[in-house]
């Protein structure tokens, strides 16, 4: 099997993005407590999305520029376009929280439309990376070189933000991907970071899925 640079994290992002869409569709924007919880979820995801793009710009894009400048240009343009839409959403969430209760319902509808626009653009961008960018990297880089990029990216992410990534990635992945990711941590990451990731996995997975994963990790 080819080494997947993007798919493990992109599965997690799709999981989080679609969950947030459902939350927005169902949200009573006039309810202070529910709005606060939703805003926290959105801003956490937004921070992960900004972090993801920044690390791709630093660690992935230089290789793409070297081997296919046109694909690199497309990747960069999509990063800029989706980032602009994400900032608009951040500003709109701030406005909703600062607005009188009676105005929030109308602004909530505006947010859902804006989020749908962002989501369509972002999912298309993920496809660009998984198909166009990976075609370039598979043709030009070895599996070892792709693994080095993954290690460089994860090493650059602060532990607290890394756990937010894992909060999306673990439930968004299948058993084989979960085992591969966490056994890698078991071998190379600090013990306390590995334990934190396992505790997180236990908290976000159904009991059956966690027990299956734990069995594989204990045997690794």
C-alpha atoms as a PDB file:
ATOM      1  CA  UNK A   1       0.000   0.000   0.000  1.00  0.00           C
ATOM      2  CA  UNK A   2       1.139   3.542  -0.725  1.00  0.00           C
ATOM      3  CA  UNK A   3       2.030   5.733   2.236  1.00  0.00           C
ATOM      4  CA  UNK A   4      -0.813   8.164   2.961  1.00  0.00           C
ATOM      5  CA  UNK A   5       0.531  11.520   4.087  1.00  0.00           C
ATOM      6  CA  UNK A   6      -2.816  13.315   4.250  1.00  0.00           C
ATOM      7  CA  UNK A   7      -5.553  10.727   4.721  1.00  0.00           C
ATOM      8  CA  UNK A   8      -5.119   9.981   8.472  1.00  0.00           C
ATOM      9  CA  UNK A   9      -5.529  13.606   9.502  1.00  0.00           C
ATOM     10  CA  UNK A  10      -8.018  14.433   6.746  1.00  0.00           C
ATOM     11  CA  UNK A  11     -10.343  11.682   7.975  1.00  0.00           C
ATOM     12  CA  UNK A  12     -10.313  13.374  11.355  1.00  0.00           C
ATOM     13  CA  UNK A  13     -10.954  16.798   9.855  1.00  0.00           C
ATOM     14  CA  UNK A  14     -13.899  15.508   7.831  1.00  0.00           C
ATOM     15  CA  UNK A  15     -15.270  13.886  10.985  1.00  0.00           C
ATOM     16  CA  UNK A  16     -15.018  17.177  12.902  1.00  0.00           C
ATOM     17  CA  UNK A  17     -16.252  19.388  10.061  1.00  0.00           C
ATOM     18  CA  UNK A  18     -19.396  17.359   9.414  1.00  0.00           C
ATOM     19  CA  UNK A  19     -20.127  17.051  13.131  1.00  0.00           C
ATOM     20  CA  UNK A  20     -19.905  20.826  13.456  1.00  0.00           C
ATOM     21  CA  UNK A  21     -22.248  21.244  10.503  1.00  0.00           C
ATOM     22  CA  UNK A  22     -24.840  19.088  12.270  1.00  0.00           C
ATOM     23  CA  UNK A  23     -24.357  21.077  15.475  1.00  0.00           C
ATOM     24  CA  UNK A  24     -24.872  24.370  13.609  1.00  0.00           C
ATOM     25  CA  UNK A  25     -27.972  23.075  11.837  1.00  0.00           C
ATOM     26  CA  UNK A  26     -29.540  22.027  15.152  1.00  0.00           C
ATOM     27  CA  UNK A  27     -28.355  24.901  17.346  1.00  0.00           C
ATOM     28  CA  UNK A  28     -30.661  27.307  19.138  1.00  0.00           C
ATOM     29  CA  UNK A  29     -28.475  30.400  18.772  1.00  0.00           C
ATOM     30  CA  UNK A  30     -30.621  32.213  21.345  1.00  0.00           C
ATOM     31  CA  UNK A  31     -29.618  29.783  24.091  1.00  0.00           C
ATOM     32  CA  UNK A  32     -26.564  31.251  25.830  1.00  0.00           C
ATOM     33  CA  UNK A  33     -25.223  27.986  27.234  1.00  0.00           C
ATOM     34  CA  UNK A  34     -25.561  26.067  23.974  1.00  0.00           C
ATOM     35  CA  UNK A  35     -24.123  28.942  21.955  1.00  0.00           C
ATOM     36  CA  UNK A  36     -21.099  29.103  24.280  1.00  0.00           C
ATOM     37  CA  UNK A  37     -20.482  25.355  23.900  1.00  0.00           C
ATOM     38  CA  UNK A  38     -20.850  25.540  20.124  1.00  0.00           C
ATOM     39  CA  UNK A  39     -18.524  28.546  19.904  1.00  0.00           C
ATOM     40  CA  UNK A  40     -15.878  26.694  21.886  1.00  0.00           C
ATOM     41  CA  UNK A  41     -16.165  23.672  19.577  1.00  0.00           C
ATOM     42  CA  UNK A  42     -15.924  25.863  16.498  1.00  0.00           C
ATOM     43  CA  UNK A  43     -12.924  27.850  17.711  1.00  0.00           C
ATOM     44  CA  UNK A  44     -11.083  24.668  18.716  1.00  0.00           C
ATOM     45  CA  UNK A  45     -11.622  23.239  15.237  1.00  0.00           C
ATOM     46  CA  UNK A  46     -10.682  26.549  13.656  1.00  0.00           C
ATOM     47  CA  UNK A  47      -7.370  26.575  15.522  1.00  0.00           C
ATOM     48  CA  UNK A  48      -6.624  23.033  14.314  1.00  0.00           C
ATOM     49  CA  UNK A  49      -7.443  23.997  10.715  1.00  0.00           C
ATOM     50  CA  UNK A  50      -5.105  27.003  10.855  1.00  0.00           C
ATOM     51  CA  UNK A  51      -2.382  24.843  12.387  1.00  0.00           C
ATOM     52  CA  UNK A  52      -2.861  22.155   9.740  1.00  0.00           C
ATOM     53  CA  UNK A  53      -2.501  24.622   6.878  1.00  0.00           C
ATOM     54  CA  UNK A  54       0.542  26.299   8.421  1.00  0.00           C
ATOM     55  CA  UNK A  55       2.377  22.985   8.822  1.00  0.00           C
ATOM     56  CA  UNK A  56       1.517  21.958   5.277  1.00  0.00           C
ATOM     57  CA  UNK A  57       2.885  25.269   4.020  1.00  0.00           C
ATOM     58  CA  UNK A  58       6.109  24.698   5.938  1.00  0.00           C
ATOM     59  CA  UNK A  59       6.715  20.976   5.495  1.00  0.00           C
ATOM     60  CA  UNK A  60       4.814  19.823   2.400  1.00  0.00           C
ATOM     61  CA  UNK A  61       4.574  22.705  -0.048  1.00  0.00           C
ATOM     62  CA  UNK A  62       8.370  23.108  -0.576  1.00  0.00           C
ATOM     63  CA  UNK A  63       8.589  19.576  -1.990  1.00  0.00           C
ATOM     64  CA  UNK A  64       5.575  20.174  -4.235  1.00  0.00           C
ATOM     65  CA  UNK A  65       7.055  23.467  -5.488  1.00  0.00           C
ATOM     66  CA  UNK A  66      10.271  21.641  -6.368  1.00  0.00           C
ATOM     67  CA  UNK A  67       8.597  18.945  -8.449  1.00  0.00           C
ATOM     68  CA  UNK A  68       5.359  20.520  -9.743  1.00  0.00           C
ATOM     69  CA  UNK A  69       4.995  24.294  -9.340  1.00  0.00           C
ATOM     70  CA  UNK A  70       1.516  24.307 -10.904  1.00  0.00           C
ATOM     71  CA  UNK A  71       0.107  21.883  -8.325  1.00  0.00           C
ATOM     72  CA  UNK A  72       1.885  23.881  -5.603  1.00  0.00           C
ATOM     73  CA  UNK A  73       0.229  27.061  -6.888  1.00  0.00           C
ATOM     74  CA  UNK A  74      -3.196  25.389  -6.755  1.00  0.00           C
ATOM     75  CA  UNK A  75      -2.524  24.151  -3.218  1.00  0.00           C
ATOM     76  CA  UNK A  76      -1.420  27.611  -2.080  1.00  0.00           C
ATOM     77  CA  UNK A  77      -4.399  29.383  -3.670  1.00  0.00           C
ATOM     78  CA  UNK A  78      -6.822  26.987  -2.002  1.00  0.00           C
ATOM     79  CA  UNK A  79      -5.117  27.492   1.360  1.00  0.00           C
ATOM     80  CA  UNK A  80      -5.535  31.255   1.020  1.00  0.00           C
ATOM     81  CA  UNK A  81      -9.157  31.012  -0.142  1.00  0.00           C
ATOM     82  CA  UNK A  82     -10.269  28.616   2.614  1.00  0.00           C
ATOM     83  CA  UNK A  83      -8.350  30.613   5.227  1.00  0.00           C
ATOM     84  CA  UNK A  84     -10.219  33.776   4.204  1.00  0.00           C
ATOM     85  CA  UNK A  85     -13.568  31.976   4.516  1.00  0.00           C
ATOM     86  CA  UNK A  86     -12.565  30.575   7.909  1.00  0.00           C
ATOM     87  CA  UNK A  87     -11.664  34.030   9.204  1.00  0.00           C
ATOM     88  CA  UNK A  88     -15.076  35.281   8.059  1.00  0.00           C
ATOM     89  CA  UNK A  89     -16.682  32.517  10.120  1.00  0.00           C
ATOM     90  CA  UNK A  90     -14.580  33.415  13.160  1.00  0.00           C
ATOM     91  CA  UNK A  91     -15.710  37.027  12.881  1.00  0.00           C
ATOM     92  CA  UNK A  92     -19.324  35.955  12.491  1.00  0.00           C
ATOM     93  CA  UNK A  93     -19.172  33.757  15.607  1.00  0.00           C
ATOM     94  CA  UNK A  94     -17.753  36.721  17.520  1.00  0.00           C
ATOM     95  CA  UNK A  95     -20.571  38.934  16.238  1.00  0.00           C
ATOM     96  CA  UNK A  96     -23.223  36.400  17.206  1.00  0.00           C
ATOM     97  CA  UNK A  97     -21.880  36.133  20.743  1.00  0.00           C
ATOM     98  CA  UNK A  98     -21.811  39.911  21.114  1.00  0.00           C
ATOM     99  CA  UNK A  99     -25.282  40.512  19.632  1.00  0.00           C
ATOM    100  CA  UNK A 100     -28.629  40.855  21.440  1.00  0.00           C
ATOM    101  CA  UNK A 101     -30.429  37.548  21.844  1.00  0.00           C
ATOM    102  CA  UNK A 102     -33.197  38.453  19.369  1.00  0.00           C
ATOM    103  CA  UNK A 103     -30.670  39.083  16.580  1.00  0.00           C
ATOM    104  CA  UNK A 104     -28.833  35.784  17.025  1.00  0.00           C
ATOM    105  CA  UNK A 105     -31.386  33.658  15.208  1.00  0.00           C
ATOM    106  CA  UNK A 106     -30.957  35.676  12.014  1.00  0.00           C
ATOM    107  CA  UNK A 107     -27.167  35.658  12.368  1.00  0.00           C
ATOM    108  CA  UNK A 108     -27.299  31.919  13.022  1.00  0.00           C
ATOM    109  CA  UNK A 109     -28.906  31.376   9.632  1.00  0.00           C
ATOM    110  CA  UNK A 110     -26.177  33.522   8.104  1.00  0.00           C
ATOM    111  CA  UNK A 111     -23.544  31.400   9.848  1.00  0.00           C
ATOM    112  CA  UNK A 112     -24.994  28.139   8.511  1.00  0.00           C
ATOM    113  CA  UNK A 113     -24.948  29.464   4.939  1.00  0.00           C
ATOM    114  CA  UNK A 114     -21.384  30.749   5.355  1.00  0.00           C
ATOM    115  CA  UNK A 115     -20.262  27.483   6.937  1.00  0.00           C
ATOM    116  CA  UNK A 116     -21.772  25.488   4.067  1.00  0.00           C
ATOM    117  CA  UNK A 117     -19.807  27.636   1.610  1.00  0.00           C
ATOM    118  CA  UNK A 118     -16.594  27.127   3.587  1.00  0.00           C
ATOM    119  CA  UNK A 119     -17.189  23.390   3.975  1.00  0.00           C
ATOM    120  CA  UNK A 120     -17.711  22.873   0.237  1.00  0.00           C
ATOM    121  CA  UNK A 121     -14.470  24.711  -0.532  1.00  0.00           C
ATOM    122  CA  UNK A 122     -12.527  22.941   2.195  1.00  0.00           C
ATOM    123  CA  UNK A 123     -13.645  19.435   1.228  1.00  0.00           C
ATOM    124  CA  UNK A 124     -12.662  20.189  -2.365  1.00  0.00           C
ATOM    125  CA  UNK A 125      -9.263  21.337  -1.092  1.00  0.00           C
ATOM    126  CA  UNK A 126      -8.749  18.103   0.851  1.00  0.00           C
ATOM    127  CA  UNK A 127      -9.428  16.226  -2.389  1.00  0.00           C
ATOM    128  CA  UNK A 128      -6.802  18.323  -4.178  1.00  0.00           C
ATOM    129  CA  UNK A 129      -4.205  17.331  -1.622  1.00  0.00           C
ATOM    130  CA  UNK A 130      -5.151  13.661  -1.526  1.00  0.00           C
ATOM    131  CA  UNK A 131      -5.134  13.313  -5.326  1.00  0.00           C
ATOM    132  CA  UNK A 132      -3.091  16.015  -7.066  1.00  0.00           C
ATOM    133  CA  UNK A 133      -0.497  16.672  -4.372  1.00  0.00           C
ATOM    134  CA  UNK A 134      -0.067  13.013  -3.433  1.00  0.00           C
ATOM    135  CA  UNK A 135       0.419  12.049  -7.095  1.00  0.00           C
ATOM    136  CA  UNK A 136       3.408  14.393  -7.155  1.00  0.00           C
ATOM    137  CA  UNK A 137       4.814  13.172  -3.851  1.00  0.00           C
ATOM    138  CA  UNK A 138       4.323   9.466  -4.602  1.00  0.00           C
ATOM    139  CA  UNK A 139       6.175   9.885  -7.887  1.00  0.00           C
ATOM    140  CA  UNK A 140       9.083  11.846  -6.427  1.00  0.00           C
ATOM    141  CA  UNK A 141       9.528  10.854  -2.773  1.00  0.00           C
ATOM    142  CA  UNK A 142      10.158   7.528  -1.075  1.00  0.00           C
ATOM    143  CA  UNK A 143       8.025   6.151   1.732  1.00  0.00           C
ATOM    144  CA  UNK A 144      10.819   7.006   4.157  1.00  0.00           C
ATOM    145  CA  UNK A 145      10.865  10.622   2.971  1.00  0.00           C
ATOM    146  CA  UNK A 146       7.083  10.884   3.352  1.00  0.00           C
ATOM    147  CA  UNK A 147       7.318   9.421   6.845  1.00  0.00           C
ATOM    148  CA  UNK A 148       9.935  12.045   7.697  1.00  0.00           C
ATOM    149  CA  UNK A 149       7.473  14.765   6.681  1.00  0.00           C
ATOM    150  CA  UNK A 150       4.829  13.260   8.963  1.00  0.00           C
ATOM    151  CA  UNK A 151       7.267  13.137  11.885  1.00  0.00           C
ATOM    152  CA  UNK A 152       8.379  16.734  11.249  1.00  0.00           C
ATOM    153  CA  UNK A 153       4.786  17.965  11.250  1.00  0.00           C
ATOM    154  CA  UNK A 154       3.713  16.101  14.391  1.00  0.00           C
ATOM    155  CA  UNK A 155       6.887  17.124  16.212  1.00  0.00           C
ATOM    156  CA  UNK A 156       6.104  20.781  15.492  1.00  0.00           C
ATOM    157  CA  UNK A 157       2.583  20.646  16.954  1.00  0.00           C
ATOM    158  CA  UNK A 158       2.311  21.612  20.656  1.00  0.00           C
ATOM    159  CA  UNK A 159       0.985  18.700  22.777  1.00  0.00           C
ATOM    160  CA  UNK A 160      -2.249  20.481  23.727  1.00  0.00           C
ATOM    161  CA  UNK A 161      -3.138  21.117  20.067  1.00  0.00           C
ATOM    162  CA  UNK A 162      -1.995  17.616  19.099  1.00  0.00           C
ATOM    163  CA  UNK A 163      -4.622  16.219  21.459  1.00  0.00           C
ATOM    164  CA  UNK A 164      -7.260  18.271  19.637  1.00  0.00           C
ATOM    165  CA  UNK A 165      -6.087  16.689  16.378  1.00  0.00           C
ATOM    166  CA  UNK A 166      -6.352  13.230  17.960  1.00  0.00           C
ATOM    167  CA  UNK A 167      -9.827  14.038  19.307  1.00  0.00           C
ATOM    168  CA  UNK A 168     -10.918  14.230  15.662  1.00  0.00           C
ATOM    169  CA  UNK A 169      -8.590  11.663  14.115  1.00  0.00           C
ATOM    170  CA  UNK A 170      -9.184   8.715  16.447  1.00  0.00           C
ATOM    171  CA  UNK A 171     -12.969   8.434  15.981  1.00  0.00           C
ATOM    172  CA  UNK A 172     -12.631   9.349  12.294  1.00  0.00           C
ATOM    173  CA  UNK A 173     -10.260   6.462  11.525  1.00  0.00           C
ATOM    174  CA  UNK A 174     -10.633   2.712  11.177  1.00  0.00           C
ATOM    175  CA  UNK A 175      -9.005   0.194  13.512  1.00  0.00           C
ATOM    176  CA  UNK A 176      -5.918  -0.300  11.322  1.00  0.00           C
ATOM    177  CA  UNK A 177      -5.185   3.432  11.194  1.00  0.00           C
ATOM    178  CA  UNK A 178      -5.730   3.846  14.928  1.00  0.00           C
ATOM    179  CA  UNK A 179      -3.347   0.991  15.686  1.00  0.00           C
ATOM    180  CA  UNK A 180      -0.688   2.324  13.308  1.00  0.00           C
ATOM    181  CA  UNK A 181      -0.854   5.847  14.742  1.00  0.00           C
ATOM    182  CA  UNK A 182      -0.837   4.853  18.402  1.00  0.00           C
ATOM    183  CA  UNK A 183       1.755   2.076  18.124  1.00  0.00           C
ATOM    184  CA  UNK A 184       4.011   4.649  16.493  1.00  0.00           C
ATOM    185  CA  UNK A 185       3.472   6.890  19.496  1.00  0.00           C
ATOM    186  CA  UNK A 186       4.090   3.970  21.850  1.00  0.00           C
ATOM    187  CA  UNK A 187       7.497   3.416  20.261  1.00  0.00           C
ATOM    188  CA  UNK A 188       8.707   6.966  19.760  1.00  0.00           C
ATOM    189  CA  UNK A 189       6.678   9.489  21.793  1.00  0.00           C
ATOM    190  CA  UNK A 190       7.164  10.282  25.503  1.00  0.00           C
ATOM    191  CA  UNK A 191       5.289   7.800  27.679  1.00  0.00           C
ATOM    192  CA  UNK A 192       3.049  10.471  29.207  1.00  0.00           C
ATOM    193  CA  UNK A 193       1.993  11.697  25.749  1.00  0.00           C
ATOM    194  CA  UNK A 194       1.186   8.144  24.641  1.00  0.00           C
ATOM    195  CA  UNK A 195      -0.874   7.563  27.800  1.00  0.00           C
ATOM    196  CA  UNK A 196      -2.755  10.823  27.248  1.00  0.00           C
ATOM    197  CA  UNK A 197      -3.579   9.755  23.690  1.00  0.00           C
ATOM    198  CA  UNK A 198      -4.823   6.363  24.930  1.00  0.00           C
ATOM    199  CA  UNK A 199      -6.963   8.001  27.613  1.00  0.00           C
ATOM    200  CA  UNK A 200      -8.407  10.262  24.933  1.00  0.00           C
ATOM    201  CA  UNK A 201      -9.117   7.286  22.670  1.00  0.00           C
ATOM    202  CA  UNK A 202     -10.957   5.537  25.473  1.00  0.00           C
ATOM    203  CA  UNK A 203     -13.077   8.637  26.087  1.00  0.00           C
ATOM    204  CA  UNK A 204     -14.105   9.240  22.449  1.00  0.00           C
ATOM    205  CA  UNK A 205     -14.605   5.660  21.200  1.00  0.00           C
ATOM    206  CA  UNK A 206     -17.497   3.292  21.886  1.00  0.00           C
ATOM    207  CA  UNK A 207     -16.537   0.574  24.376  1.00  0.00           C
ATOM    208  CA  UNK A 208     -16.375  -2.103  21.688  1.00  0.00           C
ATOM    209  CA  UNK A 209     -14.012  -0.042  19.517  1.00  0.00           C
ATOM    210  CA  UNK A 210     -11.806   0.917  22.464  1.00  0.00           C
ATOM    211  CA  UNK A 211     -11.521  -2.685  23.661  1.00  0.00           C
ATOM    212  CA  UNK A 212     -10.522  -3.781  20.164  1.00  0.00           C
ATOM    213  CA  UNK A 213      -7.920  -1.036  19.973  1.00  0.00           C
ATOM    214  CA  UNK A 214      -6.558  -1.708  23.468  1.00  0.00           C
ATOM    215  CA  UNK A 215      -6.097  -5.385  22.651  1.00  0.00           C
ATOM    216  CA  UNK A 216      -3.998  -4.484  19.602  1.00  0.00           C
ATOM    217  CA  UNK A 217      -1.955  -1.877  21.483  1.00  0.00           C
ATOM    218  CA  UNK A 218      -1.234  -4.247  24.375  1.00  0.00           C
ATOM    219  CA  UNK A 219       0.054  -6.827  21.905  1.00  0.00           C
ATOM    220  CA  UNK A 220       2.252  -4.362  20.027  1.00  0.00           C
END
